[in-house]
Amino acid sequence: MKLLKIIVAGSLALGLATTSLSADSVKGQKLFNKLLKEPCGMTGAKFAVKHTQAEWKQIKADGKFEEEIIKICPNVKAGELKESVMEHIFDFSVDFASDSGNVPSC
């Protein structure tokens, strides 16, 4: 019985940890508004439609996502954004890319 409680508690904790570690496009939108809207001089909607979903994914796969942010937003400096922040902004960019059909509220 005690072992069963430990297993259930462990499973619950693991489930919660996994959920909080995954990137989130809603959080990415909030982070874009907070950290990049002013330096980029554009809304998140204009930023995300710079590429298609496949293009954003390829940029990320090539390890050039931060470089692309800097290219689109020259006022952003290398190393300014944490990796975790970029993960959320990446999800936001893919979810609202030019071919997604989605329009963010920012």
N, C-alpha and C. Protein backbone atom coordinates (compact mmCIF):
# COMPACT_ATOMS: atom_id res chain seq x y z
N MET A 1 0.82 -1.19 0.00
CA MET A 1 0.00 0.00 0.00
C MET A 1 0.86 1.25 0.00
N LYS A 2 1.91 1.24 0.82
CA LYS A 2 2.80 2.38 0.91
C LYS A 2 3.54 2.58 -0.42
N LEU A 3 3.95 1.48 -1.03
CA LEU A 3 4.64 1.53 -2.32
C LEU A 3 3.72 2.10 -3.40
N LEU A 4 2.48 1.74 -3.37
CA LEU A 4 1.49 2.25 -4.33
C LEU A 4 1.34 3.76 -4.20
N LYS A 5 1.31 4.26 -2.98
CA LYS A 5 1.20 5.71 -2.75
C LYS A 5 2.43 6.44 -3.30
N ILE A 6 3.59 5.85 -3.10
CA ILE A 6 4.83 6.46 -3.60
C ILE A 6 4.83 6.49 -5.12
N ILE A 7 4.38 5.41 -5.74
CA ILE A 7 4.34 5.35 -7.21
C ILE A 7 3.35 6.39 -7.76
N VAL A 8 2.19 6.50 -7.15
CA VAL A 8 1.19 7.46 -7.60
C VAL A 8 1.70 8.89 -7.41
N ALA A 9 2.30 9.17 -6.28
CA ALA A 9 2.85 10.51 -6.02
C ALA A 9 3.96 10.83 -7.01
N GLY A 10 4.81 9.87 -7.29
CA GLY A 10 5.90 10.07 -8.24
C GLY A 10 5.38 10.33 -9.65
N SER A 11 4.37 9.57 -10.04
CA SER A 11 3.77 9.77 -11.36
C SER A 11 3.13 11.15 -11.49
N LEU A 12 2.45 11.57 -10.45
CA LEU A 12 1.82 12.89 -10.45
C LEU A 12 2.88 13.99 -10.55
N ALA A 13 3.93 13.87 -9.77
CA ALA A 13 5.00 14.87 -9.79
C ALA A 13 5.67 14.92 -11.16
N LEU A 14 5.92 13.76 -11.75
CA LEU A 14 6.54 13.70 -13.06
C LEU A 14 5.63 14.32 -14.11
N GLY A 15 4.36 14.06 -14.02
CA GLY A 15 3.40 14.64 -14.96
C GLY A 15 3.36 16.15 -14.87
N LEU A 16 3.37 16.69 -13.69
CA LEU A 16 3.36 18.14 -13.51
C LEU A 16 4.66 18.77 -13.99
N ALA A 17 5.79 18.12 -13.70
CA ALA A 17 7.09 18.65 -14.12
C ALA A 17 7.19 18.68 -15.64
N THR A 18 6.73 17.65 -16.30
CA THR A 18 6.77 17.58 -17.75
C THR A 18 5.93 18.67 -18.37
N THR A 19 4.77 18.93 -17.82
CA THR A 19 3.88 19.96 -18.33
C THR A 19 4.52 21.33 -18.21
N SER A 20 5.14 21.62 -17.11
CA SER A 20 5.72 22.95 -16.91
C SER A 20 7.00 23.16 -17.70
N LEU A 21 7.65 22.09 -18.13
CA LEU A 21 8.89 22.22 -18.88
C LEU A 21 8.66 22.40 -20.38
N SER A 22 7.49 22.06 -20.86
CA SER A 22 7.24 22.17 -22.29
C SER A 22 7.02 23.64 -22.67
N ALA A 23 7.47 23.99 -23.87
CA ALA A 23 7.32 25.36 -24.34
C ALA A 23 5.84 25.63 -24.64
N ASP A 24 5.49 26.91 -24.63
CA ASP A 24 4.09 27.30 -24.74
C ASP A 24 3.99 28.56 -25.59
N SER A 25 3.15 28.53 -26.63
CA SER A 25 3.03 29.68 -27.51
C SER A 25 2.35 30.88 -26.84
N VAL A 26 1.43 30.62 -25.90
CA VAL A 26 0.79 31.73 -25.18
C VAL A 26 1.83 32.45 -24.33
N LYS A 27 2.66 31.68 -23.65
CA LYS A 27 3.74 32.28 -22.87
C LYS A 27 4.72 32.99 -23.80
N GLY A 28 4.96 32.41 -24.97
CA GLY A 28 5.84 33.03 -25.96
C GLY A 28 5.32 34.38 -26.42
N GLN A 29 4.01 34.47 -26.59
CA GLN A 29 3.40 35.74 -26.98
C GLN A 29 3.61 36.78 -25.89
N LYS A 30 3.39 36.39 -24.65
CA LYS A 30 3.59 37.32 -23.53
C LYS A 30 5.05 37.75 -23.43
N LEU A 31 5.97 36.80 -23.61
CA LEU A 31 7.39 37.12 -23.56
C LEU A 31 7.80 38.02 -24.72
N PHE A 32 7.24 37.78 -25.90
CA PHE A 32 7.53 38.66 -27.04
C PHE A 32 7.11 40.08 -26.71
N ASN A 33 5.88 40.23 -26.21
CA ASN A 33 5.38 41.57 -25.87
C ASN A 33 6.25 42.25 -24.82
N LYS A 34 6.70 41.47 -23.84
CA LYS A 34 7.48 42.03 -22.75
C LYS A 34 8.92 42.35 -23.16
N LEU A 35 9.54 41.45 -23.93
CA LEU A 35 10.97 41.58 -24.20
C LEU A 35 11.34 42.05 -25.60
N LEU A 36 10.50 41.80 -26.58
CA LEU A 36 10.91 42.06 -27.96
C LEU A 36 10.07 43.09 -28.71
N LYS A 37 8.88 43.37 -28.25
CA LYS A 37 8.00 44.27 -29.00
C LYS A 37 8.65 45.63 -29.24
N GLU A 38 9.19 46.22 -28.19
CA GLU A 38 9.83 47.54 -28.33
C GLU A 38 11.14 47.47 -29.13
N PRO A 39 12.06 46.54 -28.80
CA PRO A 39 13.31 46.48 -29.58
C PRO A 39 13.09 46.13 -31.05
N CYS A 40 12.05 45.35 -31.34
CA CYS A 40 11.78 44.97 -32.72
C CYS A 40 11.02 46.05 -33.47
N GLY A 41 10.27 46.85 -32.74
CA GLY A 41 9.48 47.89 -33.38
C GLY A 41 8.30 47.33 -34.15
N MET A 42 7.83 46.16 -33.74
CA MET A 42 6.68 45.54 -34.41
C MET A 42 5.94 44.66 -33.42
N THR A 43 4.74 44.30 -33.80
CA THR A 43 3.95 43.40 -32.96
C THR A 43 4.41 41.97 -33.18
N GLY A 44 3.97 41.10 -32.31
CA GLY A 44 4.29 39.69 -32.45
C GLY A 44 3.71 39.10 -33.72
N ALA A 45 2.55 39.61 -34.15
CA ALA A 45 1.92 39.13 -35.38
C ALA A 45 2.81 39.40 -36.58
N LYS A 46 3.36 40.60 -36.66
CA LYS A 46 4.25 40.94 -37.78
C LYS A 46 5.54 40.14 -37.72
N PHE A 47 6.02 39.87 -36.51
CA PHE A 47 7.24 39.08 -36.34
C PHE A 47 7.02 37.64 -36.81
N ALA A 48 5.96 37.02 -36.35
CA ALA A 48 5.72 35.60 -36.62
C ALA A 48 5.49 35.33 -38.11
N VAL A 49 4.86 36.26 -38.82
CA VAL A 49 4.57 36.02 -40.24
C VAL A 49 5.77 36.26 -41.16
N LYS A 50 6.92 36.52 -40.59
CA LYS A 50 8.13 36.68 -41.40
C LYS A 50 8.51 35.36 -42.09
N HIS A 51 8.05 34.24 -41.54
CA HIS A 51 8.37 32.93 -42.10
C HIS A 51 7.16 32.01 -42.01
N THR A 52 7.21 30.92 -42.78
CA THR A 52 6.20 29.87 -42.67
C THR A 52 6.58 28.96 -41.50
N GLN A 53 5.67 28.06 -41.14
CA GLN A 53 5.95 27.12 -40.06
C GLN A 53 7.18 26.29 -40.37
N ALA A 54 7.27 25.79 -41.59
CA ALA A 54 8.42 24.96 -41.98
C ALA A 54 9.72 25.76 -41.93
N GLU A 55 9.67 27.01 -42.33
CA GLU A 55 10.87 27.84 -42.29
C GLU A 55 11.32 28.08 -40.86
N TRP A 56 10.37 28.38 -39.96
CA TRP A 56 10.74 28.58 -38.54
C TRP A 56 11.37 27.31 -37.98
N LYS A 57 10.77 26.15 -38.30
CA LYS A 57 11.30 24.88 -37.80
C LYS A 57 12.69 24.60 -38.34
N GLN A 58 12.92 24.94 -39.61
CA GLN A 58 14.25 24.73 -40.20
C GLN A 58 15.28 25.66 -39.57
N ILE A 59 14.89 26.89 -39.33
CA ILE A 59 15.79 27.85 -38.67
C ILE A 59 16.19 27.33 -37.29
N LYS A 60 15.20 26.81 -36.55
CA LYS A 60 15.47 26.25 -35.22
C LYS A 60 16.36 25.02 -35.33
N ALA A 61 16.07 24.13 -36.29
CA ALA A 61 16.87 22.91 -36.47
C ALA A 61 18.31 23.24 -36.84
N ASP A 62 18.51 24.31 -37.56
CA ASP A 62 19.86 24.73 -37.95
C ASP A 62 20.59 25.46 -36.82
N GLY A 63 19.90 25.69 -35.71
CA GLY A 63 20.51 26.38 -34.57
C GLY A 63 20.66 27.87 -34.79
N LYS A 64 19.82 28.44 -35.64
CA LYS A 64 19.97 29.85 -36.00
C LYS A 64 18.77 30.70 -35.57
N PHE A 65 18.01 30.23 -34.57
CA PHE A 65 16.83 30.98 -34.15
C PHE A 65 17.21 32.32 -33.54
N GLU A 66 18.20 32.33 -32.66
CA GLU A 66 18.63 33.60 -32.06
C GLU A 66 19.17 34.54 -33.14
N GLU A 67 19.91 33.99 -34.07
CA GLU A 67 20.45 34.79 -35.17
C GLU A 67 19.32 35.41 -36.00
N GLU A 68 18.25 34.66 -36.20
CA GLU A 68 17.11 35.17 -36.97
C GLU A 68 16.38 36.28 -36.20
N ILE A 69 16.26 36.12 -34.89
CA ILE A 69 15.66 37.18 -34.07
C ILE A 69 16.47 38.46 -34.22
N ILE A 70 17.78 38.34 -34.15
CA ILE A 70 18.67 39.50 -34.27
C ILE A 70 18.56 40.12 -35.66
N LYS A 71 18.42 39.28 -36.70
CA LYS A 71 18.28 39.78 -38.07
C LYS A 71 16.98 40.58 -38.23
N ILE A 72 15.89 40.06 -37.65
CA ILE A 72 14.60 40.75 -37.75
C ILE A 72 14.55 41.95 -36.81
N CYS A 73 15.19 41.83 -35.65
CA CYS A 73 15.19 42.88 -34.63
C CYS A 73 16.63 43.27 -34.32
N PRO A 74 17.22 44.17 -35.09
CA PRO A 74 18.63 44.53 -34.91
C PRO A 74 18.98 45.11 -33.54
N ASN A 75 17.99 45.60 -32.79
CA ASN A 75 18.26 46.16 -31.46
C ASN A 75 18.45 45.08 -30.40
N VAL A 76 18.17 43.84 -30.74
CA VAL A 76 18.38 42.73 -29.81
C VAL A 76 19.81 42.24 -29.98
N LYS A 77 20.50 42.06 -28.89
CA LYS A 77 21.90 41.62 -28.91
C LYS A 77 22.01 40.13 -28.61
N ALA A 78 23.03 39.51 -29.13
CA ALA A 78 23.27 38.08 -28.89
C ALA A 78 23.43 37.83 -27.39
N GLY A 79 22.81 36.77 -26.90
CA GLY A 79 22.91 36.41 -25.50
C GLY A 79 21.92 37.12 -24.59
N GLU A 80 21.13 38.03 -25.13
CA GLU A 80 20.16 38.78 -24.33
C GLU A 80 19.00 37.91 -23.86
N LEU A 81 18.63 36.94 -24.68
CA LEU A 81 17.48 36.09 -24.37
C LEU A 81 17.95 34.72 -23.89
N LYS A 82 17.36 34.26 -22.80
CA LYS A 82 17.66 32.92 -22.30
C LYS A 82 17.12 31.87 -23.26
N GLU A 83 17.71 30.69 -23.23
CA GLU A 83 17.27 29.59 -24.09
C GLU A 83 15.80 29.25 -23.83
N SER A 84 15.39 29.25 -22.57
CA SER A 84 13.99 28.92 -22.24
C SER A 84 13.03 29.95 -22.82
N VAL A 85 13.42 31.21 -22.82
CA VAL A 85 12.59 32.27 -23.40
C VAL A 85 12.48 32.06 -24.90
N MET A 86 13.59 31.73 -25.54
CA MET A 86 13.57 31.52 -26.99
C MET A 86 12.72 30.32 -27.37
N GLU A 87 12.67 29.30 -26.52
CA GLU A 87 11.82 28.13 -26.80
C GLU A 87 10.35 28.55 -26.88
N HIS A 88 9.92 29.38 -25.94
CA HIS A 88 8.53 29.84 -25.94
C HIS A 88 8.25 30.76 -27.14
N ILE A 89 9.18 31.63 -27.45
CA ILE A 89 9.01 32.53 -28.60
C ILE A 89 9.02 31.73 -29.90
N PHE A 90 9.81 30.67 -29.95
CA PHE A 90 9.81 29.79 -31.12
C PHE A 90 8.43 29.16 -31.30
N ASP A 91 7.86 28.61 -30.23
CA ASP A 91 6.53 28.01 -30.32
C ASP A 91 5.50 29.04 -30.78
N PHE A 92 5.60 30.23 -30.24
CA PHE A 92 4.71 31.32 -30.65
C PHE A 92 4.87 31.60 -32.15
N SER A 93 6.12 31.67 -32.62
CA SER A 93 6.40 31.97 -34.02
C SER A 93 5.83 30.90 -34.94
N VAL A 94 5.97 29.64 -34.56
CA VAL A 94 5.43 28.54 -35.38
C VAL A 94 3.91 28.56 -35.37
N ASP A 95 3.31 28.75 -34.21
CA ASP A 95 1.85 28.74 -34.11
C ASP A 95 1.20 29.89 -34.88
N PHE A 96 1.91 31.00 -35.06
CA PHE A 96 1.34 32.15 -35.74
C PHE A 96 2.12 32.53 -37.00
N ALA A 97 2.79 31.55 -37.61
CA ALA A 97 3.55 31.76 -38.83
C ALA A 97 2.61 32.16 -39.97
N SER A 98 3.21 32.61 -41.08
CA SER A 98 2.41 33.13 -42.19
C SER A 98 1.43 32.12 -42.77
N ASP A 99 1.73 30.83 -42.69
CA ASP A 99 0.85 29.82 -43.25
C ASP A 99 0.00 29.10 -42.20
N SER A 100 -0.03 29.61 -40.99
CA SER A 100 -0.75 28.93 -39.90
C SER A 100 -2.25 29.22 -39.90
N GLY A 101 -2.63 30.38 -40.39
CA GLY A 101 -4.04 30.76 -40.34
C GLY A 101 -4.44 31.35 -38.99
N ASN A 102 -3.52 31.40 -38.05
CA ASN A 102 -3.79 31.96 -36.72
C ASN A 102 -3.33 33.41 -36.66
N VAL A 103 -4.05 34.21 -35.89
CA VAL A 103 -3.68 35.60 -35.70
C VAL A 103 -3.58 35.87 -34.21
N PRO A 104 -2.38 36.26 -33.72
CA PRO A 104 -2.23 36.52 -32.29
C PRO A 104 -2.93 37.82 -31.89
N SER A 105 -3.17 37.95 -30.62
CA SER A 105 -3.87 39.15 -30.11
C SER A 105 -2.90 40.25 -29.68
N CYS A 106 -1.67 40.20 -30.16
CA CYS A 106 -0.73 41.26 -29.74
C CYS A 106 -0.51 42.21 -30.87
